[in-house]
Protein backbone atom coordinates (compact mmCIF):
# COMPACT_ATOMS: atom_id res chain seq x y z
CA UNK A 1 -0.04 0.15 -0.04
CA UNK A 2 2.97 2.46 0.89
CA UNK A 3 4.61 1.83 -2.64
CA UNK A 4 1.19 2.72 -4.39
CA UNK A 5 1.09 5.62 -2.30
CA UNK A 6 4.25 6.49 -2.96
CA UNK A 7 3.87 6.24 -6.74
CA UNK A 8 0.73 8.12 -6.96
CA UNK A 9 2.22 10.87 -4.84
CA UNK A 10 5.42 10.93 -7.32
CA UNK A 11 3.20 10.91 -10.31
CA UNK A 12 1.27 14.08 -8.67
CA UNK A 13 4.64 16.00 -8.39
CA UNK A 14 5.75 15.12 -11.60
CA UNK A 15 2.44 16.54 -13.06
CA UNK A 16 2.63 19.91 -11.31
CA UNK A 17 6.18 20.25 -12.27
CA UNK A 18 5.43 19.83 -15.92
CA UNK A 19 2.61 22.37 -15.72
CA UNK A 20 4.28 24.91 -13.74
CA UNK A 21 7.08 24.59 -16.48
CA UNK A 22 4.50 25.07 -19.20
CA UNK A 23 2.48 27.90 -17.66
CA UNK A 24 5.95 29.83 -17.19
CA UNK A 25 7.01 28.92 -20.83
CA UNK A 26 3.74 30.14 -22.20
CA UNK A 27 4.06 33.59 -20.45
CA UNK A 28 7.47 34.63 -21.92
CA UNK A 29 5.69 35.70 -25.14
CA UNK A 30 7.52 38.45 -27.37
CA UNK A 31 6.21 42.04 -26.74
CA UNK A 32 8.29 44.29 -29.32
CA UNK A 33 6.67 45.17 -32.25
CA UNK A 34 10.06 43.39 -34.24
CA UNK A 35 9.34 40.27 -31.99
CA UNK A 36 5.66 39.96 -32.79
CA UNK A 37 6.55 40.78 -37.09
CA UNK A 38 8.79 37.79 -36.52
CA UNK A 39 6.36 35.49 -35.26
CA UNK A 40 3.49 36.01 -37.20
CA UNK A 41 6.42 35.61 -40.45
CA UNK A 42 7.03 32.40 -38.83
CA UNK A 43 3.80 31.16 -38.36
CA UNK A 44 2.69 32.12 -42.06
CA UNK A 45 5.44 30.15 -43.47
CA UNK A 46 4.47 27.19 -41.31
CA UNK A 47 0.91 27.60 -42.68
CA UNK A 48 2.17 27.69 -45.93
CA UNK A 49 4.03 24.42 -45.66
CA UNK A 50 1.56 22.45 -43.93
CA UNK A 51 -0.89 23.14 -46.80
CA UNK A 52 2.07 22.59 -49.37
CA UNK A 53 3.08 19.50 -47.69
CA UNK A 54 -0.04 18.28 -46.39
CA UNK A 55 -0.94 14.25 -47.00
CA UNK A 56 -2.96 14.66 -49.64
CA UNK A 57 -0.93 16.92 -51.54
CA UNK A 58 2.42 14.72 -50.89
CA UNK A 59 0.60 11.51 -52.47
CA UNK A 60 2.43 10.02 -55.09
CA UNK A 61 5.04 12.88 -55.53
CA UNK A 62 8.68 12.91 -54.90
CA UNK A 63 8.82 14.81 -51.72
CA UNK A 64 10.62 18.16 -50.79
CA UNK A 65 13.35 19.24 -52.96
CA UNK A 66 16.65 21.10 -51.85
CA UNK A 67 14.76 24.51 -52.68
CA UNK A 68 11.79 23.47 -50.57
CA UNK A 69 13.95 22.99 -47.48
CA UNK A 70 16.11 25.84 -47.96
CA UNK A 71 12.82 28.05 -48.17
CA UNK A 72 10.95 26.43 -44.91
CA UNK A 73 14.43 26.16 -42.89
CA UNK A 74 14.54 29.65 -41.75
């Protein structure tokens, strides 16, 4: 019984630590105009990559080319 209690307490401690870590990371958003623009550009590139290279779009194709990798790596 003590082992089960220790296991549950350990899982609760780990879950609490992870929740605190995620909460702390979400509060560190960029507040400057340059940072917000950089985030918007990054999101736009990610959305373009998701729509261009979805599983439907990539079916029966050869995959990413070297030029495509350079475009979305930035």
